[in-house]
């Protein structure tokens, strides 16, 4: 499993660098990015129906580095988001994610590429299942999720792609098992990592809905060949961006996750809490300042 992940990453780098012999870096690479500072605020004073003052601030940084030359493309992106929410005089983490995506493609026909890819995701700060703030459930590289594979990328339109990868490796890694319980993420007790081998499918759509509104949606599925292949892992991201003017933006972000190996906090009819398998959902609606380069 480790060999598959390392070989895939090496292939991405080697194939991309091979094209640089015939073109300069300035003509190969297109760099872009954005920085956003989003916030929400609620304030109450002698408000009869009741309410609680709150403030949420989220900073987002996104960088893209894409290269294209003759029959090959190499697309890379790095996204980091971190936020804090203050309520009842206490600051709590409201957003924390760092993601790296890399995909190398070799054109074989007008709408088809052979592709290899590498995706990695983690968080920067400690996380808790609030209101319980005594047990750490996540921290930097705990967990770290890595998925890499190779397959065929079908691109029927400029803003649509479907990547089918029958050779896919998936790793879940917890760097500090003393602080974070690895069994929450499907890792056997006493171990730091879980390796899986299977097939994946990733479909992505990016559309300009209106002059100042764009929408992107990504659905990823993974099936483990050797451990309950009928249990599909699901990751579904939707992002709607609305540009008010040059610097003011608004956005709606949703993320849906289902992984049969991950335990999530649940409660029964009596209000007792426990860990079980379930669908994870996150939604963020934000208005803030943005700068693109």
Protein backbone atom coordinates (compact mmCIF):
# COMPACT_ATOMS: atom_id res chain seq x y z
CA UNK A 1 0.00 0.00 0.00
CA UNK A 2 2.78 2.44 0.90
CA UNK A 3 4.52 1.54 -2.36
CA UNK A 4 1.38 2.39 -4.38
CA UNK A 5 1.07 5.83 -2.78
CA UNK A 6 4.76 6.65 -3.22
CA UNK A 7 4.85 5.39 -6.80
CA UNK A 8 1.79 7.45 -7.74
CA UNK A 9 3.27 10.64 -6.31
CA UNK A 10 6.60 9.98 -8.01
CA UNK A 11 4.84 9.44 -11.34
CA UNK A 12 3.00 12.77 -11.01
CA UNK A 13 6.24 14.65 -10.42
CA UNK A 14 8.33 12.80 -12.99
CA UNK A 15 5.83 13.08 -15.82
CA UNK A 16 5.27 16.78 -15.23
CA UNK A 17 8.94 17.62 -15.04
CA UNK A 18 9.61 15.75 -18.27
CA UNK A 19 7.59 18.36 -20.19
CA UNK A 20 9.67 21.24 -18.93
CA UNK A 21 12.55 20.43 -21.26
CA UNK A 22 10.76 22.07 -24.17
CA UNK A 23 9.09 25.01 -22.48
CA UNK A 24 10.04 27.56 -19.87
CA UNK A 25 8.40 27.77 -16.47
CA UNK A 26 6.92 31.16 -17.32
CA UNK A 27 4.95 29.75 -20.25
CA UNK A 28 4.02 26.46 -18.56
CA UNK A 29 2.57 27.60 -15.26
CA UNK A 30 -0.47 29.72 -14.47
CA UNK A 31 -0.62 30.87 -10.86
CA UNK A 32 -3.71 32.29 -9.18
CA UNK A 33 -5.22 32.54 -5.75
CA UNK A 34 -7.56 34.27 -3.38
CA UNK A 35 -7.67 35.42 0.20
CA UNK A 36 -11.00 35.81 2.00
CA UNK A 37 -11.99 37.09 5.42
CA UNK A 38 -15.58 36.15 6.21
CA UNK A 39 -17.55 37.06 9.28
CA UNK A 40 -20.99 36.86 10.87
CA UNK A 41 -22.13 38.87 13.89
CA UNK A 42 -25.24 39.03 16.05
CA UNK A 43 -25.85 41.55 18.84
CA UNK A 44 -28.81 41.93 21.21
CA UNK A 45 -29.73 44.60 23.75
CA UNK A 46 -32.95 44.46 25.78
CA UNK A 47 -34.34 42.13 23.13
CA UNK A 48 -37.65 40.73 24.44
CA UNK A 49 -37.64 37.39 22.53
CA UNK A 50 -34.11 36.69 23.83
CA UNK A 51 -30.82 36.10 22.06
CA UNK A 52 -27.11 35.64 22.55
CA UNK A 53 -24.35 37.87 21.20
CA UNK A 54 -22.01 36.03 18.84
CA UNK A 55 -19.16 36.70 16.44
CA UNK A 56 -17.61 34.34 13.89
CA UNK A 57 -14.51 35.07 11.79
CA UNK A 58 -13.13 32.70 9.13
CA UNK A 59 -10.00 33.25 7.07
CA UNK A 60 -9.59 31.37 3.78
CA UNK A 61 -6.54 31.11 1.52
CA UNK A 62 -6.60 29.33 -1.83
CA UNK A 63 -3.72 28.93 -4.29
CA UNK A 64 -3.80 27.26 -7.71
CA UNK A 65 -0.80 26.30 -9.85
CA UNK A 66 -1.74 24.78 -13.21
CA UNK A 67 0.48 23.79 -16.11
CA UNK A 68 -0.36 22.73 -19.66
CA UNK A 69 1.94 21.73 -22.49
CA UNK A 70 1.11 19.85 -25.69
CA UNK A 71 -0.67 16.66 -24.53
CA UNK A 72 -0.27 16.92 -20.77
CA UNK A 73 -1.77 18.97 -17.95
CA UNK A 74 -0.88 19.23 -14.26
CA UNK A 75 -3.38 20.94 -11.95
CA UNK A 76 -2.57 21.70 -8.30
CA UNK A 77 -4.47 23.51 -5.58
CA UNK A 78 -3.94 24.26 -1.90
CA UNK A 79 -6.76 25.46 0.35
CA UNK A 80 -6.55 26.42 4.00
CA UNK A 81 -9.43 27.73 6.11
CA UNK A 82 -9.52 28.53 9.80
CA UNK A 83 -12.17 30.21 11.91
CA UNK A 84 -13.20 31.02 15.45
CA UNK A 85 -16.63 31.70 16.92
CA UNK A 86 -17.20 33.68 20.11
CA UNK A 87 -20.37 32.94 22.04
CA UNK A 88 -21.18 33.39 25.73
CA UNK A 89 -17.70 34.84 26.27
CA UNK A 90 -15.88 31.79 24.93
CA UNK A 91 -13.99 31.27 21.65
CA UNK A 92 -14.44 27.93 19.88
CA UNK A 93 -13.10 26.62 16.58
CA UNK A 94 -15.72 26.91 13.84
CA UNK A 95 -13.69 25.91 10.77
CA UNK A 96 -10.34 24.20 10.26
CA UNK A 97 -9.29 22.43 7.09
CA UNK A 98 -6.15 22.20 4.95
CA UNK A 99 -6.37 20.41 1.61
CA UNK A 100 -3.93 19.67 -1.20
CA UNK A 101 -5.08 18.40 -4.59
CA UNK A 102 -2.84 17.39 -7.48
CA UNK A 103 -3.77 15.75 -10.79
CA UNK A 104 -1.63 14.98 -13.80
CA UNK A 105 -3.34 14.13 -17.11
CA UNK A 106 -2.12 12.84 -20.46
CA UNK A 107 -4.49 13.43 -23.40
CA UNK A 108 -5.43 10.35 -25.44
CA UNK A 109 -8.46 11.76 -27.26
CA UNK A 110 -10.46 14.97 -27.52
CA UNK A 111 -12.41 14.28 -24.29
CA UNK A 112 -10.28 11.68 -22.51
CA UNK A 113 -7.07 11.68 -20.48
CA UNK A 114 -5.08 9.12 -18.59
CA UNK A 115 -4.69 10.60 -15.13
CA UNK A 116 -2.89 10.11 -11.82
CA UNK A 117 -3.89 12.08 -8.74
CA UNK A 118 -3.03 12.74 -5.12
CA UNK A 119 -5.32 14.36 -2.53
CA UNK A 120 -4.47 15.06 1.11
CA UNK A 121 -6.49 16.69 3.89
CA UNK A 122 -5.92 17.50 7.55
CA UNK A 123 -6.48 20.30 10.09
CA UNK A 124 -4.20 22.71 11.95
CA UNK A 125 -5.67 22.98 15.43
CA UNK A 126 -7.16 20.77 18.13
CA UNK A 127 -10.85 19.91 17.79
CA UNK A 128 -13.46 18.90 20.37
CA UNK A 129 -17.01 17.58 20.35
CA UNK A 130 -18.53 20.63 21.97
CA UNK A 131 -19.90 21.18 24.57
CA UNK A 132 -17.43 18.53 25.75
CA UNK A 133 -14.07 20.31 25.59
CA UNK A 134 -12.10 17.84 27.71
CA UNK A 135 -11.44 15.20 25.04
CA UNK A 136 -9.43 16.00 21.90
CA UNK A 137 -10.90 14.34 18.78
CA UNK A 138 -8.57 15.89 16.17
CA UNK A 139 -5.36 17.89 15.82
CA UNK A 140 -2.67 18.56 13.20
CA UNK A 141 -2.10 15.38 11.12
CA UNK A 142 -4.53 13.54 13.36
CA UNK A 143 -6.20 12.51 11.23
CA UNK A 144 -4.41 12.95 7.90
CA UNK A 145 -6.38 11.56 4.96
CA UNK A 146 -4.50 10.73 1.76
CA UNK A 147 -5.93 9.20 -1.41
CA UNK A 148 -3.96 8.54 -4.59
CA UNK A 149 -4.71 6.62 -7.75
CA UNK A 150 -4.66 6.31 -11.51
CA UNK A 151 -7.39 5.96 -14.10
CA UNK A 152 -9.26 7.65 -16.94
CA UNK A 153 -10.50 11.24 -16.81
CA UNK A 154 -13.51 11.92 -19.06
CA UNK A 155 -13.99 15.64 -19.84
CA UNK A 156 -17.21 16.06 -21.86
CA UNK A 157 -17.16 19.87 -21.41
CA UNK A 158 -14.71 22.50 -20.21
CA UNK A 159 -16.41 22.75 -16.82
CA UNK A 160 -17.24 19.04 -16.29
CA UNK A 161 -14.96 16.10 -15.52
CA UNK A 162 -15.47 12.49 -14.38
CA UNK A 163 -12.40 10.62 -13.12
CA UNK A 164 -12.72 6.82 -12.87
CA UNK A 165 -9.76 5.27 -11.04
CA UNK A 166 -9.84 1.45 -10.68
CA UNK A 167 -6.43 1.59 -8.94
CA UNK A 168 -6.77 3.76 -5.83
CA UNK A 169 -5.00 3.69 -2.48
CA UNK A 170 -6.44 5.38 0.60
CA UNK A 171 -4.66 6.05 3.89
CA UNK A 172 -5.95 7.42 7.20
CA UNK A 173 -3.16 8.40 9.60
CA UNK A 174 -3.20 9.62 13.22
CA UNK A 175 0.14 11.03 14.31
CA UNK A 176 -0.61 11.24 18.05
CA UNK A 177 -2.60 8.25 19.26
CA UNK A 178 -1.99 9.28 22.88
CA UNK A 179 -4.17 12.39 22.41
CA UNK A 180 -6.55 11.31 19.63
CA UNK A 181 -8.39 7.98 19.68
CA UNK A 182 -7.55 6.35 16.30
CA UNK A 183 -10.57 4.01 16.45
CA UNK A 184 -12.82 7.02 15.76
CA UNK A 185 -11.36 7.06 12.24
CA UNK A 186 -11.48 3.33 11.57
CA UNK A 187 -7.91 2.60 12.69
CA UNK A 188 -7.38 -0.46 14.87
CA UNK A 189 -6.44 0.22 18.48
CA UNK A 190 -2.67 0.24 18.92
CA UNK A 191 -2.03 1.31 15.31
CA UNK A 192 -1.42 4.71 13.74
CA UNK A 193 -2.67 4.12 10.19
CA UNK A 194 -5.26 2.31 8.11
CA UNK A 195 -4.51 1.42 4.49
CA UNK A 196 -7.19 0.58 1.92
CA UNK A 197 -7.07 -0.44 -1.73
CA UNK A 198 -9.99 -0.10 -4.10
CA UNK A 199 -11.63 1.99 -6.81
CA UNK A 200 -12.75 5.61 -6.82
CA UNK A 201 -14.93 7.92 -8.90
CA UNK A 202 -14.79 11.71 -8.77
CA UNK A 203 -17.22 13.93 -10.68
CA UNK A 204 -16.76 17.71 -10.73
CA UNK A 205 -18.85 20.53 -12.19
CA UNK A 206 -17.97 24.24 -12.22
CA UNK A 207 -20.56 26.62 -13.64
CA UNK A 208 -21.10 30.36 -13.96
CA UNK A 209 -24.74 30.66 -12.89
CA UNK A 210 -24.95 34.44 -13.37
CA UNK A 211 -22.47 37.24 -14.09
CA UNK A 212 -21.58 37.49 -10.39
CA UNK A 213 -22.46 33.97 -9.18
CA UNK A 214 -20.43 30.79 -9.67
CA UNK A 215 -21.15 27.28 -8.45
CA UNK A 216 -18.91 24.24 -8.10
CA UNK A 217 -19.83 20.74 -6.94
CA UNK A 218 -17.62 17.71 -6.41
CA UNK A 219 -18.77 14.18 -5.60
CA UNK A 220 -16.19 11.51 -4.69
CA UNK A 221 -16.89 7.82 -4.10
CA UNK A 222 -14.50 5.10 -2.88
CA UNK A 223 -14.97 1.34 -2.56
CA UNK A 224 -12.53 -0.95 -0.73
CA UNK A 225 -11.99 -4.11 -2.81
CA UNK A 226 -11.19 -6.31 0.20
CA UNK A 227 -13.37 -4.99 3.04
CA UNK A 228 -17.13 -4.64 2.46
CA UNK A 229 -16.88 -3.19 -1.07
CA UNK A 230 -20.62 -2.44 -0.97
CA UNK A 231 -19.99 0.25 1.67
CA UNK A 232 -19.18 3.29 -0.44
CA UNK A 233 -17.33 6.23 1.14
CA UNK A 234 -18.89 9.54 0.08
CA UNK A 235 -17.54 13.08 -0.04
CA UNK A 236 -19.83 15.74 -1.54
CA UNK A 237 -18.77 19.41 -1.65
CA UNK A 238 -20.85 22.31 -2.95
CA UNK A 239 -19.63 25.92 -3.12
CA UNK A 240 -21.67 28.92 -4.30
CA UNK A 241 -19.74 32.18 -4.62
CA UNK A 242 -21.45 35.54 -5.02
CA UNK A 243 -19.39 38.60 -5.89
CA UNK A 244 -21.02 41.79 -4.60
CA UNK A 245 -18.26 44.08 -5.89
CA UNK A 246 -14.49 44.06 -6.34
CA UNK A 247 -13.77 43.33 -2.68
CA UNK A 248 -17.02 42.16 -1.04
CA UNK A 249 -18.11 38.54 -1.46
CA UNK A 250 -20.72 36.14 -0.10
CA UNK A 251 -20.60 32.37 -0.15
CA UNK A 252 -22.52 29.22 0.77
CA UNK A 253 -20.45 26.11 1.46
CA UNK A 254 -21.72 22.63 2.26
CA UNK A 255 -19.84 19.37 2.86
CA UNK A 256 -21.41 15.93 3.24
CA UNK A 257 -19.31 12.95 4.36
CA UNK A 258 -20.18 9.30 4.86
CA UNK A 259 -17.52 6.76 5.78
CA UNK A 260 -18.50 3.38 7.22
CA UNK A 261 -15.23 3.31 9.20
CA UNK A 262 -15.64 6.68 10.93
CA UNK A 263 -17.58 7.01 14.19
CA UNK A 264 -19.57 10.20 14.77
CA UNK A 265 -21.25 11.55 17.93
CA UNK A 266 -24.89 10.44 18.18
CA UNK A 267 -27.64 10.37 20.80
CA UNK A 268 -30.55 8.04 21.53
CA UNK A 269 -34.15 8.81 22.51
CA UNK A 270 -33.14 9.14 26.16
CA UNK A 271 -30.54 11.79 25.31
CA UNK A 272 -27.59 9.49 26.01
CA UNK A 273 -24.60 10.10 23.71
CA UNK A 274 -22.55 7.44 21.99
CA UNK A 275 -20.27 6.89 18.97
CA UNK A 276 -21.76 5.34 15.84
CA UNK A 277 -21.77 5.30 12.03
CA UNK A 278 -23.61 8.20 10.46
CA UNK A 279 -23.79 10.95 7.84
CA UNK A 280 -21.72 14.06 8.54
CA UNK A 281 -22.91 17.44 7.29
CA UNK A 282 -21.46 20.95 7.50
CA UNK A 283 -22.82 24.26 6.18
CA UNK A 284 -21.24 27.71 6.25
CA UNK A 285 -22.92 30.91 5.03
CA UNK A 286 -20.57 33.88 5.04
CA UNK A 287 -20.16 37.48 3.90
CA UNK A 288 -16.77 39.13 3.90
CA UNK A 289 -13.84 40.74 2.14
CA UNK A 290 -11.92 39.05 -0.63
CA UNK A 291 -8.89 39.62 -2.82
CA UNK A 292 -7.99 37.58 -5.88
CA UNK A 293 -4.62 37.44 -7.65
